[in-house]
Amino acid sequence: MNSNVRPPAVAGSFYPASKDRLLGEIRRCFQDKIIGPGISIPGNSWRPQTEKPGNRIECFIVPHAGYAYSGPVAAHSYALANQNFISKHESFVAIILGPNHQGVGSGIALSPSDEWETPLGKVNVEKLLSKEITETSEIIDVNSLSHLYEHSIEVQLPFLQALTSVRGFSFVPICLMLQDRHSSKDVAEALFKVTQSENHASESFLVLGSSDLTHYEPQSKASAQDKKLIDRIEALDLPSYYTTLERNHITACGYGAIAVVMELSRMLGKKKGTLLKYATSGDVTGDTSSVVGYSAVHFS
C-alpha cells in the first residue's frame, strides 16, 4: 500500500534541499559560537539505560525562521533536548505545535498524512495518538490544507532527524490558526489527558512549541518587548502572558503554540521556563533597523 506522504514545502528556501548541504547547515547551527551553542552536533548516543531514563515528557520553545537566521538559536533547545531526553530514550514521539501562517484549512489541525518527508528522509505520523487527541479535544480537526504550505512545523524535523539518524522517531504535527487563550487551553488539556492515559503511560514525548517573537521592529524595541513576554513565559503565567501580548502589541506569530506548551508544562507539574538563548535577525545580518526575535526556552 502506498503511504500518504506530505512532501517538504520549504526545502531549498528555509533550509537546503540536498541531504549533504542540509546536514552541513545543521552542523553549522550547532557550531555557531555567536548565537548558537558552539558545540559539535550531538551524535546518536542512545544506549540501553541501566537506570531510570529521566523525564517522560520534556517541553521546549523553538523558533522557525530560515536556518541561516534562527537555526543557531533553535540549536540551543535541541542540544539540551538531546542531553536531557533524546539520548536517554530508545524511542519517542515528538508533538510539534506551530502557527498557521497561510490562513487556510481548519482552525486547529492535525495532519492526515501517514508520513512527512524532508531531504533527510521520511518521518511517521502517529495516527493512533492523533486520533485520540482529536477525539479528546473539542476543537481539534484533521486537515491536510492546514499543513500543506506551512513551514513552522516542517523546519523542526531535520533537527530531530539529524539527532536520531540511527533509530528515528515519530511525531504529531498540530497547526494552530486559532491561538486565543481558550483554544490554547483546550489543546493543552487534550494533550495532557492523552499523554497521561493508560494507553500511553509507558511512552515518552518531546513537546515543541514553534514560534518567532516580535516582527519587523528596530532591535532595541523588539528586544525590550520580547523580554517582557519571555518573563511571563518563564513564570508560566498564562493570564499575564496574554495580557502582555495584547497590551504591548507583540507580534509573536506562534503565541498560541507557546501558550499550549506553557499550560501543558504547568499541568505536568513543571515550575518554570528557562531562557536558553534570545537573538534577533539583526544579530545575524547586522541590520538592526527591522528585526525578528527568536528564543529557545526549556520548561522544568
Protein backbone atom coordinates (compact mmCIF):
# COMPACT_ATOMS: atom_id res chain seq x y z
CA MET A 1 0.00 0.00 0.00
CA ASN A 2 1.35 3.43 -0.93
CA SER A 3 1.54 5.74 2.06
CA ASN A 4 0.11 9.24 2.04
CA VAL A 5 3.25 11.38 2.21
CA ARG A 6 3.33 15.13 2.88
CA PRO A 7 6.22 16.48 0.76
CA PRO A 8 8.55 19.24 2.00
CA ALA A 9 7.16 22.70 1.35
CA VAL A 10 10.21 24.86 2.16
CA ALA A 11 13.24 22.72 1.29
CA GLY A 12 15.51 24.93 -0.77
CA SER A 13 14.26 28.13 0.87
CA PHE A 14 14.15 27.85 4.67
CA TYR A 15 16.79 25.11 4.65
CA PRO A 16 18.92 23.35 1.98
CA ALA A 17 17.18 20.89 -0.34
CA SER A 18 20.05 18.39 -0.55
CA LYS A 19 20.82 15.93 2.22
CA ASP A 20 24.52 16.73 2.49
CA ARG A 21 24.04 20.51 2.45
CA LEU A 22 21.23 20.24 5.00
CA LEU A 23 23.34 18.19 7.40
CA GLY A 24 26.14 20.71 6.92
CA GLU A 25 23.80 23.59 7.75
CA ILE A 26 22.52 21.85 10.88
CA ARG A 27 26.14 21.21 11.90
CA ARG A 28 26.85 24.92 11.40
CA CYS A 29 23.87 25.87 13.60
CA PHE A 30 25.26 23.84 16.50
CA GLN A 31 28.83 25.06 15.98
CA ASP A 32 27.88 28.75 15.78
CA LYS A 33 29.61 30.47 18.72
CA ILE A 34 27.87 33.83 18.38
CA ILE A 35 24.17 32.96 18.71
CA GLY A 36 24.43 29.15 18.64
CA PRO A 37 25.63 26.81 21.41
CA GLY A 38 29.11 26.48 19.89
CA ILE A 39 29.27 22.68 20.08
CA SER A 40 29.64 19.77 17.69
CA ILE A 41 26.34 18.31 16.58
CA PRO A 42 25.38 15.69 19.18
CA GLY A 43 25.68 12.15 17.88
CA ASN A 44 23.17 9.35 18.17
CA SER A 45 24.34 8.42 21.64
CA TRP A 46 21.47 6.32 22.99
CA ARG A 47 22.49 3.17 24.78
CA PRO A 48 20.39 0.79 26.89
CA GLN A 49 19.90 2.58 30.20
CA THR A 50 20.87 0.90 33.46
CA GLU A 51 18.90 3.47 35.44
CA LYS A 52 15.69 5.44 35.06
CA PRO A 53 15.99 7.42 31.80
CA GLY A 54 14.65 10.71 33.17
CA ASN A 55 11.54 12.73 32.39
CA ARG A 56 8.95 11.04 30.23
CA ILE A 57 7.79 14.39 28.83
CA GLU A 58 10.09 17.31 28.02
CA CYS A 59 8.86 20.69 26.74
CA PHE A 60 10.67 23.38 24.73
CA ILE A 61 10.10 26.51 22.66
CA VAL A 62 11.93 26.72 19.31
CA PRO A 63 11.97 29.37 16.54
CA HIS A 64 11.13 28.61 12.91
CA ALA A 65 12.73 31.14 10.56
CA GLY A 66 15.20 30.12 7.88
CA TYR A 67 18.11 28.18 9.35
CA ALA A 68 20.53 30.97 8.44
CA TYR A 69 18.64 33.28 10.81
CA SER A 70 17.15 31.25 13.68
CA GLY A 71 18.78 27.83 13.31
CA PRO A 72 21.58 28.55 15.82
CA VAL A 73 19.01 29.70 18.41
CA ALA A 74 16.94 26.56 17.82
CA ALA A 75 20.10 24.51 18.29
CA HIS A 76 20.18 25.57 21.97
CA SER A 77 16.85 23.81 22.57
CA TYR A 78 17.87 20.77 20.55
CA ALA A 79 21.22 20.46 22.31
CA LEU A 80 19.54 20.40 25.72
CA ALA A 81 16.74 18.17 24.43
CA ASN A 82 19.36 15.70 23.26
CA GLN A 83 21.19 15.83 26.59
CA ASN A 84 18.10 15.53 28.80
CA PHE A 85 15.80 13.43 26.67
CA ILE A 86 16.67 12.19 23.17
CA SER A 87 19.89 10.43 24.20
CA LYS A 88 18.08 8.73 27.10
CA HIS A 89 15.11 7.21 25.27
CA GLU A 90 15.22 4.42 22.74
CA SER A 91 12.09 5.79 21.08
CA PHE A 92 9.86 8.81 21.50
CA VAL A 93 7.06 10.82 19.94
CA ALA A 94 7.60 14.49 19.09
CA ILE A 95 4.48 16.64 19.45
CA ILE A 96 5.18 19.78 17.42
CA LEU A 97 2.85 22.77 17.56
CA GLY A 98 3.16 25.70 15.18
CA PRO A 99 1.10 28.59 13.85
CA ASN A 100 -0.78 28.65 10.56
CA HIS A 101 0.91 31.43 8.59
CA GLN A 102 -1.11 30.79 5.44
CA GLY A 103 -4.56 31.22 6.97
CA VAL A 104 -6.02 28.21 5.17
CA GLY A 105 -7.58 24.99 6.39
CA SER A 106 -9.04 24.30 9.82
CA GLY A 107 -8.73 26.43 12.96
CA ILE A 108 -6.58 23.80 14.69
CA ALA A 109 -5.49 20.84 12.63
CA LEU A 110 -3.67 17.55 12.86
CA SER A 111 -2.26 16.01 9.71
CA PRO A 112 -3.97 13.14 7.84
CA SER A 113 -0.68 12.11 6.21
CA ASP A 114 0.99 8.83 7.09
CA GLU A 115 4.45 10.35 6.72
CA TRP A 116 6.19 13.70 6.25
CA GLU A 117 9.26 13.90 4.04
CA THR A 118 12.37 16.08 4.24
CA PRO A 119 15.71 15.76 2.40
CA LEU A 120 16.82 13.56 5.34
CA GLY A 121 14.04 11.01 4.78
CA LYS A 122 10.51 10.30 5.97
CA VAL A 123 9.03 10.60 9.45
CA ASN A 124 5.99 8.59 10.54
CA VAL A 125 2.94 10.44 11.83
CA GLU A 126 1.49 8.83 14.97
CA LYS A 127 -2.01 8.25 13.62
CA LEU A 128 -3.49 6.49 16.67
CA LEU A 129 -2.27 9.19 19.04
CA SER A 130 -3.55 11.86 16.64
CA LYS A 131 -6.96 10.19 16.57
CA GLU A 132 -7.13 10.13 20.38
CA ILE A 133 -6.14 13.80 20.59
CA THR A 134 -8.85 14.74 18.11
CA GLU A 135 -11.47 12.75 20.00
CA THR A 136 -10.41 14.28 23.33
CA SER A 137 -10.41 17.90 22.16
CA GLU A 138 -13.50 19.96 21.43
CA ILE A 139 -11.87 21.94 18.62
CA ILE A 140 -9.01 20.00 17.00
CA ASP A 141 -9.68 18.81 13.45
CA VAL A 142 -7.76 16.78 10.84
CA ASN A 143 -6.99 18.79 7.72
CA SER A 144 -4.29 18.46 5.07
CA LEU A 145 -4.62 22.01 3.71
CA SER A 146 -3.60 23.50 7.06
CA HIS A 147 -0.23 21.74 6.77
CA LEU A 148 0.35 21.79 3.01
CA TYR A 149 2.38 25.01 2.78
CA GLU A 150 3.18 25.66 6.45
CA HIS A 151 6.84 25.83 7.47
CA SER A 152 6.74 26.27 11.27
CA ILE A 153 6.49 22.53 11.98
CA GLU A 154 8.39 21.24 8.96
CA VAL A 155 11.63 23.09 9.79
CA GLN A 156 11.88 21.26 13.14
CA LEU A 157 12.01 17.80 11.57
CA PRO A 158 15.55 17.89 10.10
CA PHE A 159 16.99 18.84 13.50
CA LEU A 160 15.31 15.82 15.07
CA GLN A 161 16.26 13.57 12.16
CA ALA A 162 19.91 14.61 12.48
CA LEU A 163 19.86 13.76 16.20
CA THR A 164 18.13 10.38 15.74
CA SER A 165 19.65 9.18 12.48
CA VAL A 166 20.02 5.56 13.56
CA ARG A 167 16.72 4.83 15.28
CA GLY A 168 14.33 7.57 14.16
CA PHE A 169 11.21 8.90 15.87
CA SER A 170 7.54 9.52 15.13
CA PHE A 171 5.58 12.72 15.54
CA VAL A 172 2.27 14.54 15.81
CA PRO A 173 2.02 17.91 13.98
CA ILE A 174 -0.57 20.40 15.29
CA CYS A 175 -1.15 23.55 13.22
CA LEU A 176 -2.83 26.47 15.02
CA MET A 177 -4.81 29.15 13.24
CA LEU A 178 -6.82 29.73 16.42
CA GLN A 179 -4.39 30.95 19.08
CA ASP A 180 -6.64 32.54 21.71
CA ARG A 181 -6.37 31.58 25.35
CA HIS A 182 -9.44 29.31 25.35
CA SER A 183 -8.22 27.37 22.30
CA SER A 184 -4.72 27.01 23.72
CA LYS A 185 -6.07 25.62 26.98
CA ASP A 186 -8.28 23.14 25.12
CA VAL A 187 -5.30 21.82 23.16
CA ALA A 188 -3.12 21.62 26.29
CA GLU A 189 -5.82 19.74 28.19
CA ALA A 190 -6.25 17.27 25.33
CA LEU A 191 -2.51 16.64 25.15
CA PHE A 192 -2.33 16.19 28.92
CA LYS A 193 -5.22 13.71 29.03
CA VAL A 194 -3.94 11.61 26.15
CA THR A 195 -0.26 11.51 27.18
CA GLN A 196 -1.27 10.63 30.76
CA SER A 197 -3.75 7.94 29.69
CA GLU A 198 -3.15 4.26 30.34
CA ASN A 199 -2.63 3.66 26.60
CA HIS A 200 0.43 5.93 26.56
CA ALA A 201 1.73 5.77 30.13
CA SER A 202 4.92 4.00 29.05
CA GLU A 203 5.67 6.29 26.10
CA SER A 204 7.99 9.32 26.01
CA PHE A 205 7.11 12.67 24.46
CA LEU A 206 9.13 15.67 23.32
CA VAL A 207 6.78 18.67 23.06
CA LEU A 208 7.92 21.60 20.91
CA GLY A 209 6.16 24.95 20.60
CA SER A 210 7.31 26.65 17.40
CA SER A 211 7.23 30.46 17.36
CA ASP A 212 9.19 33.54 16.41
CA LEU A 213 8.71 36.67 18.53
CA THR A 214 8.48 40.38 17.61
CA HIS A 215 8.45 41.01 13.84
CA TYR A 216 9.89 43.95 11.91
CA GLU A 217 10.68 46.42 14.68
CA PRO A 218 14.03 48.10 15.47
CA GLN A 219 16.24 45.81 17.51
CA SER A 220 16.04 47.90 20.69
CA LYS A 221 12.24 47.85 20.67
CA ALA A 222 12.00 44.17 19.68
CA SER A 223 14.38 43.10 22.45
CA ALA A 224 12.55 45.16 25.08
CA GLN A 225 9.14 43.84 24.07
CA ASP A 226 10.31 40.27 23.82
CA LYS A 227 11.91 40.44 27.28
CA LYS A 228 8.53 41.33 28.77
CA LEU A 229 6.95 38.32 27.09
CA ILE A 230 9.79 35.93 27.95
CA ASP A 231 9.48 36.95 31.61
CA ARG A 232 5.86 35.78 31.53
CA ILE A 233 6.82 32.58 29.71
CA GLU A 234 9.47 31.78 32.33
CA ALA A 235 6.89 32.37 35.09
CA LEU A 236 4.40 30.00 33.40
CA ASP A 237 1.83 32.74 33.93
CA LEU A 238 -0.66 32.26 31.10
CA PRO A 239 -3.10 35.09 32.01
CA SER A 240 -0.36 37.73 32.19
CA TYR A 241 1.30 36.22 29.10
CA TYR A 242 -1.79 37.02 27.03
CA THR A 243 -2.17 40.41 28.71
CA THR A 244 1.44 41.25 27.89
CA LEU A 245 0.94 40.19 24.27
CA GLU A 246 -2.13 42.35 23.84
CA ARG A 247 -1.09 45.48 25.75
CA ASN A 248 2.33 45.65 24.09
CA HIS A 249 1.10 44.62 20.63
CA ILE A 250 3.77 41.92 20.45
CA THR A 251 3.73 40.25 17.05
CA ALA A 252 4.81 36.76 18.07
CA CYS A 253 3.46 34.59 15.26
CA GLY A 254 3.17 31.35 17.26
CA TYR A 255 1.92 32.79 20.53
CA GLY A 256 -0.72 30.07 20.74
CA ALA A 257 1.89 27.32 20.36
CA ILE A 258 3.88 28.89 23.19
CA ALA A 259 0.73 29.11 25.30
CA VAL A 260 -0.12 25.44 24.77
CA VAL A 261 3.35 24.36 25.88
CA MET A 262 3.22 26.71 28.88
CA GLU A 263 -0.15 25.35 30.01
CA LEU A 264 0.82 21.72 29.40
CA SER A 265 4.05 22.25 31.34
CA ARG A 266 2.10 23.69 34.26
CA MET A 267 -0.31 20.73 34.20
CA LEU A 268 2.65 18.34 34.19
CA GLY A 269 3.95 19.95 37.38
CA LYS A 270 6.81 21.88 35.82
CA LYS A 271 7.57 25.06 37.76
CA LYS A 272 9.34 27.42 35.38
CA GLY A 273 10.66 28.18 31.96
CA THR A 274 14.34 28.88 31.41
CA LEU A 275 15.52 31.06 28.55
CA LEU A 276 18.38 29.25 26.81
CA LYS A 277 19.01 31.90 24.16
CA TYR A 278 17.48 35.04 22.70
CA ALA A 279 18.69 36.69 19.49
CA THR A 280 17.29 38.56 16.52
CA SER A 281 17.78 38.51 12.79
CA GLY A 282 19.83 41.68 13.29
CA ASP A 283 22.43 39.68 15.20
CA VAL A 284 22.92 37.66 12.01
CA THR A 285 22.63 40.28 9.29
CA GLY A 286 23.93 43.35 11.13
CA ASP A 287 20.83 45.28 10.07
CA THR A 288 19.11 46.27 13.31
CA SER A 289 16.56 48.64 11.77
CA SER A 290 13.88 45.97 11.34
CA VAL A 291 14.36 42.59 13.00
CA VAL A 292 12.59 39.40 14.05
CA GLY A 293 13.13 37.98 17.54
CA TYR A 294 13.93 34.31 18.27
CA SER A 295 14.01 32.38 21.54
CA ALA A 296 14.87 28.93 22.83
CA VAL A 297 13.17 28.01 26.13
CA HIS A 298 13.11 24.88 28.30
CA PHE A 299 10.43 24.08 30.88
CA SER A 300 11.29 22.19 34.04
